[in-house]
Amino acid sequence: MSKLILISLATVLAACAMGQGAMKATGPTTQIVHPTMTNKTKHAVMGRRVVNPAIAIEHKFTALMLKGDSNGLANLYSTNAIVYSPDKTEIHGRTAVQQDFQGLFKMGKVTSFKFHDVHHRMAGNLCLSAGRVAMTVQPKDGSKPMTQDFRYTDVTERIGGKWQITFDHVSTPMQMTPPDPMNYSAPMKPKSKPTHRER
């Protein structure tokens, strides 16, 4: 009897293993990057190694920024991409994205570009990314290097089998004057009870 149970159990486990191997490695639907994985372009899904598209793009993005390649950077975006940059209301389309990067490289050379505090979520053909970027630019006029820490939120989509950035929102913390013009930090006052006449 015990032999039959063991055989049955072995059969079930083998079937599960075969079923797992046949499943498509489409990626998890929750966070796929942890602090110890920020420099890895691959992660394990169902026993397989699959590429994290967002991290792969970040690696390419960094290399192209340091190279000053505006065309290569633009090709990481979809043809109808929308970009919100710190100094422009909206940049629409791959051509405009290329021109924006070209303007940056005409002004100076990017000597340092690092993603940090990065978070990713993946669901099917969509990958959402948020984090920060530390960038240093050496102006061509010989003035002092400029360093800035940006925040960003990206949407990367698989279009025609290729992962491309479709939305890119880059910002810097806004300095408000006065610091709290709407008085948001003030404690909320308890709502007064209606009087007899108000009822």
C-alpha atoms as a PDB file:
ATOM      1  CA  MET A   1       0.000   0.000   0.000  1.00  0.00           C
ATOM      2  CA  SER A   2       2.794   2.392   0.979  1.00  0.00           C
ATOM      3  CA  LYS A   3       4.560   1.650  -2.341  1.00  0.00           C
ATOM      4  CA  LEU A   4       1.392   2.576  -4.249  1.00  0.00           C
ATOM      5  CA  ILE A   5       1.135   5.866  -2.360  1.00  0.00           C
ATOM      6  CA  LEU A   6       4.768   6.706  -3.096  1.00  0.00           C
ATOM      7  CA  ILE A   7       4.321   5.843  -6.774  1.00  0.00           C
ATOM      8  CA  SER A   8       1.180   7.980  -6.991  1.00  0.00           C
ATOM      9  CA  LEU A   9       2.932  10.883  -5.248  1.00  0.00           C
ATOM     10  CA  ALA A  10       5.902  10.584  -7.608  1.00  0.00           C
ATOM     11  CA  THR A  11       3.545  10.602 -10.591  1.00  0.00           C
ATOM     12  CA  VAL A  12       1.803  13.778  -9.346  1.00  0.00           C
ATOM     13  CA  LEU A  13       5.111  15.565  -8.738  1.00  0.00           C
ATOM     14  CA  ALA A  14       6.381  14.578 -12.170  1.00  0.00           C
ATOM     15  CA  ALA A  15       3.201  15.854 -13.776  1.00  0.00           C
ATOM     16  CA  CYS A  16       3.499  19.152 -11.913  1.00  0.00           C
ATOM     17  CA  ALA A  17       7.098  19.519 -12.999  1.00  0.00           C
ATOM     18  CA  MET A  18       6.182  18.844 -16.628  1.00  0.00           C
ATOM     19  CA  GLY A  19       3.324  21.321 -16.434  1.00  0.00           C
ATOM     20  CA  GLN A  20       5.572  23.975 -14.932  1.00  0.00           C
ATOM     21  CA  GLY A  21       8.157  23.504 -17.652  1.00  0.00           C
ATOM     22  CA  ALA A  22       5.480  23.964 -20.319  1.00  0.00           C
ATOM     23  CA  MET A  23       4.254  27.287 -18.889  1.00  0.00           C
ATOM     24  CA  LYS A  24       5.293  30.463 -20.667  1.00  0.00           C
ATOM     25  CA  ALA A  25       7.785  32.658 -18.831  1.00  0.00           C
ATOM     26  CA  THR A  26       5.782  35.867 -19.152  1.00  0.00           C
ATOM     27  CA  GLY A  27       7.138  37.388 -15.953  1.00  0.00           C
ATOM     28  CA  PRO A  28       5.614  37.989 -12.552  1.00  0.00           C
ATOM     29  CA  THR A  29       2.853  40.501 -11.971  1.00  0.00           C
ATOM     30  CA  THR A  30       4.377  42.046  -8.870  1.00  0.00           C
ATOM     31  CA  GLN A  31       7.697  43.648  -8.000  1.00  0.00           C
ATOM     32  CA  ILE A  32      10.538  41.907  -9.812  1.00  0.00           C
ATOM     33  CA  VAL A  33      13.493  43.966  -8.675  1.00  0.00           C
ATOM     34  CA  HIS A  34      14.843  44.064  -5.157  1.00  0.00           C
ATOM     35  CA  PRO A  35      17.816  45.990  -3.713  1.00  0.00           C
ATOM     36  CA  THR A  36      20.117  43.023  -4.372  1.00  0.00           C
ATOM     37  CA  MET A  37      18.992  42.748  -7.990  1.00  0.00           C
ATOM     38  CA  THR A  38      19.278  46.344  -9.202  1.00  0.00           C
ATOM     39  CA  ASN A  39      22.268  45.628 -11.456  1.00  0.00           C
ATOM     40  CA  LYS A  40      20.925  42.411 -12.972  1.00  0.00           C
ATOM     41  CA  THR A  41      19.100  42.383 -16.304  1.00  0.00           C
ATOM     42  CA  LYS A  42      17.707  38.901 -15.713  1.00  0.00           C
ATOM     43  CA  HIS A  43      15.616  37.250 -13.019  1.00  0.00           C
ATOM     44  CA  ALA A  44      14.177  33.800 -12.406  1.00  0.00           C
ATOM     45  CA  VAL A  45      10.634  33.014 -13.501  1.00  0.00           C
ATOM     46  CA  MET A  46       9.411  29.440 -13.088  1.00  0.00           C
ATOM     47  CA  GLY A  47      12.960  28.135 -13.081  1.00  0.00           C
ATOM     48  CA  ARG A  48      13.980  30.052 -16.202  1.00  0.00           C
ATOM     49  CA  ARG A  49      16.146  33.145 -16.649  1.00  0.00           C
ATOM     50  CA  VAL A  50      14.249  35.905 -18.427  1.00  0.00           C
ATOM     51  CA  VAL A  51      15.245  39.452 -19.281  1.00  0.00           C
ATOM     52  CA  ASN A  52      13.784  42.323 -17.311  1.00  0.00           C
ATOM     53  CA  PRO A  53      13.075  44.784 -20.160  1.00  0.00           C
ATOM     54  CA  ALA A  54      13.157  47.883 -17.971  1.00  0.00           C
ATOM     55  CA  ILE A  55      16.596  47.122 -16.515  1.00  0.00           C
ATOM     56  CA  ALA A  56      17.925  46.203 -19.961  1.00  0.00           C
ATOM     57  CA  ILE A  57      16.745  49.583 -21.283  1.00  0.00           C
ATOM     58  CA  GLU A  58      18.250  51.382 -18.282  1.00  0.00           C
ATOM     59  CA  HIS A  59      21.645  49.835 -19.034  1.00  0.00           C
ATOM     60  CA  LYS A  60      21.404  50.895 -22.692  1.00  0.00           C
ATOM     61  CA  PHE A  61      20.146  54.348 -21.670  1.00  0.00           C
ATOM     62  CA  THR A  62      23.133  54.907 -19.381  1.00  0.00           C
ATOM     63  CA  ALA A  63      25.656  53.846 -22.043  1.00  0.00           C
ATOM     64  CA  LEU A  64      24.043  56.073 -24.696  1.00  0.00           C
ATOM     65  CA  MET A  65      23.894  59.085 -22.354  1.00  0.00           C
ATOM     66  CA  LEU A  66      27.616  58.777 -21.603  1.00  0.00           C
ATOM     67  CA  LYS A  67      28.306  58.354 -25.321  1.00  0.00           C
ATOM     68  CA  GLY A  68      26.181  61.376 -26.253  1.00  0.00           C
ATOM     69  CA  ASP A  69      24.148  59.383 -28.787  1.00  0.00           C
ATOM     70  CA  SER A  70      20.850  61.220 -29.295  1.00  0.00           C
ATOM     71  CA  ASN A  71      19.721  58.909 -32.121  1.00  0.00           C
ATOM     72  CA  GLY A  72      20.342  55.781 -30.062  1.00  0.00           C
ATOM     73  CA  LEU A  73      18.415  57.242 -27.126  1.00  0.00           C
ATOM     74  CA  ALA A  74      15.487  58.259 -29.325  1.00  0.00           C
ATOM     75  CA  ASN A  75      15.258  54.706 -30.671  1.00  0.00           C
ATOM     76  CA  LEU A  76      14.564  53.470 -27.136  1.00  0.00           C
ATOM     77  CA  TYR A  77      11.247  55.371 -27.328  1.00  0.00           C
ATOM     78  CA  SER A  78       8.137  54.521 -29.337  1.00  0.00           C
ATOM     79  CA  THR A  79       7.273  56.671 -32.355  1.00  0.00           C
ATOM     80  CA  ASN A  80       4.409  58.289 -30.426  1.00  0.00           C
ATOM     81  CA  ALA A  81       6.148  58.523 -27.031  1.00  0.00           C
ATOM     82  CA  ILE A  82       5.227  61.318 -24.643  1.00  0.00           C
ATOM     83  CA  VAL A  83       7.913  62.811 -22.402  1.00  0.00           C
ATOM     84  CA  TYR A  84       7.443  65.316 -19.594  1.00  0.00           C
ATOM     85  CA  SER A  85      10.840  66.833 -18.834  1.00  0.00           C
ATOM     86  CA  PRO A  86      11.743  69.316 -16.082  1.00  0.00           C
ATOM     87  CA  ASP A  87      12.157  72.205 -18.552  1.00  0.00           C
ATOM     88  CA  LYS A  88       9.404  71.480 -21.111  1.00  0.00           C
ATOM     89  CA  THR A  89       5.652  71.041 -20.815  1.00  0.00           C
ATOM     90  CA  GLU A  90       5.555  68.113 -23.227  1.00  0.00           C
ATOM     91  CA  ILE A  91       7.763  66.389 -25.789  1.00  0.00           C
ATOM     92  CA  HIS A  92       5.726  64.347 -28.254  1.00  0.00           C
ATOM     93  CA  GLY A  93       7.166  61.768 -30.651  1.00  0.00           C
ATOM     94  CA  ARG A  94      10.515  60.096 -31.273  1.00  0.00           C
ATOM     95  CA  THR A  95      11.824  62.910 -33.494  1.00  0.00           C
ATOM     96  CA  ALA A  96      11.187  65.533 -30.823  1.00  0.00           C
ATOM     97  CA  VAL A  97      12.816  63.266 -28.217  1.00  0.00           C
ATOM     98  CA  GLN A  98      15.936  63.004 -30.400  1.00  0.00           C
ATOM     99  CA  GLN A  99      16.080  66.791 -30.796  1.00  0.00           C
ATOM    100  CA  ASP A 100      15.771  67.282 -27.044  1.00  0.00           C
ATOM    101  CA  PHE A 101      18.702  64.954 -26.323  1.00  0.00           C
ATOM    102  CA  GLN A 102      20.694  66.581 -29.119  1.00  0.00           C
ATOM    103  CA  GLY A 103      20.190  69.964 -27.454  1.00  0.00           C
ATOM    104  CA  LEU A 104      21.531  68.583 -24.169  1.00  0.00           C
ATOM    105  CA  PHE A 105      24.659  67.160 -25.812  1.00  0.00           C
ATOM    106  CA  LYS A 106      25.335  70.428 -27.665  1.00  0.00           C
ATOM    107  CA  MET A 107      25.340  72.183 -24.299  1.00  0.00           C
ATOM    108  CA  GLY A 108      27.700  69.772 -22.584  1.00  0.00           C
ATOM    109  CA  LYS A 109      28.983  66.238 -22.069  1.00  0.00           C
ATOM    110  CA  VAL A 110      27.327  63.847 -19.639  1.00  0.00           C
ATOM    111  CA  THR A 111      30.187  62.577 -17.477  1.00  0.00           C
ATOM    112  CA  SER A 112      28.109  60.591 -14.979  1.00  0.00           C
ATOM    113  CA  PHE A 113      24.643  59.034 -15.218  1.00  0.00           C
ATOM    114  CA  LYS A 114      23.365  56.592 -12.589  1.00  0.00           C
ATOM    115  CA  PHE A 115      19.936  55.109 -11.859  1.00  0.00           C
ATOM    116  CA  HIS A 116      19.239  54.548  -8.165  1.00  0.00           C
ATOM    117  CA  ASP A 117      16.360  53.750  -5.805  1.00  0.00           C
ATOM    118  CA  VAL A 118      14.641  51.999  -8.716  1.00  0.00           C
ATOM    119  CA  HIS A 119      11.344  50.103  -8.552  1.00  0.00           C
ATOM    120  CA  HIS A 120       9.686  47.993 -11.276  1.00  0.00           C
ATOM    121  CA  ARG A 121       6.302  46.354 -11.800  1.00  0.00           C
ATOM    122  CA  MET A 122       5.494  44.084 -14.718  1.00  0.00           C
ATOM    123  CA  ALA A 123       2.149  42.949 -16.121  1.00  0.00           C
ATOM    124  CA  GLY A 124       1.982  41.264 -19.505  1.00  0.00           C
ATOM    125  CA  ASN A 125       3.284  43.628 -22.182  1.00  0.00           C
ATOM    126  CA  LEU A 126       3.640  46.536 -19.754  1.00  0.00           C
ATOM    127  CA  CYS A 127       6.474  47.402 -17.397  1.00  0.00           C
ATOM    128  CA  LEU A 128       6.218  50.328 -14.978  1.00  0.00           C
ATOM    129  CA  SER A 129       9.361  51.900 -13.533  1.00  0.00           C
ATOM    130  CA  ALA A 130       9.987  54.620 -10.972  1.00  0.00           C
ATOM    131  CA  GLY A 131      13.147  55.854  -9.344  1.00  0.00           C
ATOM    132  CA  ARG A 132      15.828  58.497  -9.425  1.00  0.00           C
ATOM    133  CA  VAL A 133      18.749  59.436 -11.651  1.00  0.00           C
ATOM    134  CA  ALA A 134      21.922  61.269 -10.639  1.00  0.00           C
ATOM    135  CA  MET A 135      23.461  63.083 -13.612  1.00  0.00           C
ATOM    136  CA  THR A 136      26.558  65.266 -14.009  1.00  0.00           C
ATOM    137  CA  VAL A 137      27.130  67.415 -17.097  1.00  0.00           C
ATOM    138  CA  GLN A 138      30.344  69.211 -17.999  1.00  0.00           C
ATOM    139  CA  PRO A 139      29.353  72.350 -19.990  1.00  0.00           C
ATOM    140  CA  LYS A 140      31.303  72.958 -23.179  1.00  0.00           C
ATOM    141  CA  ASP A 141      31.924  76.589 -22.187  1.00  0.00           C
ATOM    142  CA  GLY A 142      34.334  75.406 -19.493  1.00  0.00           C
ATOM    143  CA  SER A 143      32.141  76.374 -16.540  1.00  0.00           C
ATOM    144  CA  LYS A 144      31.754  74.203 -13.462  1.00  0.00           C
ATOM    145  CA  PRO A 145      30.103  70.765 -13.820  1.00  0.00           C
ATOM    146  CA  MET A 146      26.372  70.684 -13.139  1.00  0.00           C
ATOM    147  CA  THR A 147      24.961  67.876 -11.011  1.00  0.00           C
ATOM    148  CA  GLN A 148      21.267  67.138 -10.703  1.00  0.00           C
ATOM    149  CA  ASP A 149      19.199  64.380  -9.108  1.00  0.00           C
ATOM    150  CA  PHE A 150      15.982  63.685 -11.008  1.00  0.00           C
ATOM    151  CA  ARG A 151      12.903  61.626 -10.234  1.00  0.00           C
ATOM    152  CA  TYR A 152      11.338  59.627 -13.051  1.00  0.00           C
ATOM    153  CA  THR A 153       8.360  57.428 -13.850  1.00  0.00           C
ATOM    154  CA  ASP A 154       8.368  55.373 -17.059  1.00  0.00           C
ATOM    155  CA  VAL A 155       5.979  53.104 -18.905  1.00  0.00           C
ATOM    156  CA  THR A 156       7.666  50.554 -21.173  1.00  0.00           C
ATOM    157  CA  GLU A 157       5.550  48.542 -23.620  1.00  0.00           C
ATOM    158  CA  ARG A 158       6.253  45.602 -25.886  1.00  0.00           C
ATOM    159  CA  ILE A 159       5.294  46.822 -29.363  1.00  0.00           C
ATOM    160  CA  GLY A 160       5.847  44.517 -32.313  1.00  0.00           C
ATOM    161  CA  GLY A 161       8.039  42.287 -30.157  1.00  0.00           C
ATOM    162  CA  LYS A 162      10.288  45.177 -29.087  1.00  0.00           C
ATOM    163  CA  TRP A 163      10.243  46.863 -25.674  1.00  0.00           C
ATOM    164  CA  GLN A 164       9.989  50.657 -26.018  1.00  0.00           C
ATOM    165  CA  ILE A 165       9.439  53.589 -23.674  1.00  0.00           C
ATOM    166  CA  THR A 166       5.992  55.077 -24.329  1.00  0.00           C
ATOM    167  CA  PHE A 167       5.694  57.483 -21.381  1.00  0.00           C
ATOM    168  CA  ASP A 168       8.572  59.181 -19.567  1.00  0.00           C
ATOM    169  CA  HIS A 169       7.968  61.675 -16.754  1.00  0.00           C
ATOM    170  CA  VAL A 170      11.081  63.362 -15.332  1.00  0.00           C
ATOM    171  CA  SER A 171      10.940  65.946 -12.566  1.00  0.00           C
ATOM    172  CA  THR A 172      12.880  67.630  -9.809  1.00  0.00           C
ATOM    173  CA  PRO A 173      11.531  68.476  -6.327  1.00  0.00           C
ATOM    174  CA  MET A 174       9.668  71.765  -6.513  1.00  0.00           C
ATOM    175  CA  GLN A 175      10.692  74.520  -4.111  1.00  0.00           C
ATOM    176  CA  MET A 176       7.532  76.242  -2.930  1.00  0.00           C
ATOM    177  CA  THR A 177       7.522  79.869  -1.754  1.00  0.00           C
ATOM    178  CA  PRO A 178       6.180  80.245   0.817  1.00  0.00           C
ATOM    179  CA  PRO A 179       7.031  76.650   1.841  1.00  0.00           C
ATOM    180  CA  ASP A 180       3.391  75.754   2.499  1.00  0.00           C
ATOM    181  CA  PRO A 181       1.210  78.253   0.594  1.00  0.00           C
ATOM    182  CA  MET A 182      -1.957  76.171   0.974  1.00  0.00           C
ATOM    183  CA  ASN A 183      -1.268  75.503   4.666  1.00  0.00           C
ATOM    184  CA  TYR A 184      -1.411  71.730   4.094  1.00  0.00           C
ATOM    185  CA  SER A 185       0.724  71.042   7.159  1.00  0.00           C
ATOM    186  CA  ALA A 186      -1.768  72.643   9.543  1.00  0.00           C
ATOM    187  CA  PRO A 187      -3.667  70.128  11.696  1.00  0.00           C
ATOM    188  CA  MET A 188      -7.187  69.445  10.522  1.00  0.00           C
ATOM    189  CA  LYS A 189      -9.888  70.964  12.663  1.00  0.00           C
ATOM    190  CA  PRO A 190     -12.699  68.680  13.791  1.00  0.00           C
ATOM    191  CA  LYS A 191     -15.880  69.297  11.899  1.00  0.00           C
ATOM    192  CA  SER A 192     -18.322  71.190  14.071  1.00  0.00           C
ATOM    193  CA  LYS A 193     -21.690  69.648  14.722  1.00  0.00           C
ATOM    194  CA  PRO A 194     -24.603  71.342  12.952  1.00  0.00           C
ATOM    195  CA  THR A 195     -26.708  73.652  15.117  1.00  0.00           C
ATOM    196  CA  HIS A 196     -30.398  73.123  15.686  1.00  0.00           C
ATOM    197  CA  ARG A 197     -31.250  75.705  13.007  1.00  0.00           C
ATOM    198  CA  GLU A 198     -28.955  74.044  10.418  1.00  0.00           C
ATOM    199  CA  ARG A 199     -30.669  70.663  10.796  1.00  0.00           C
END
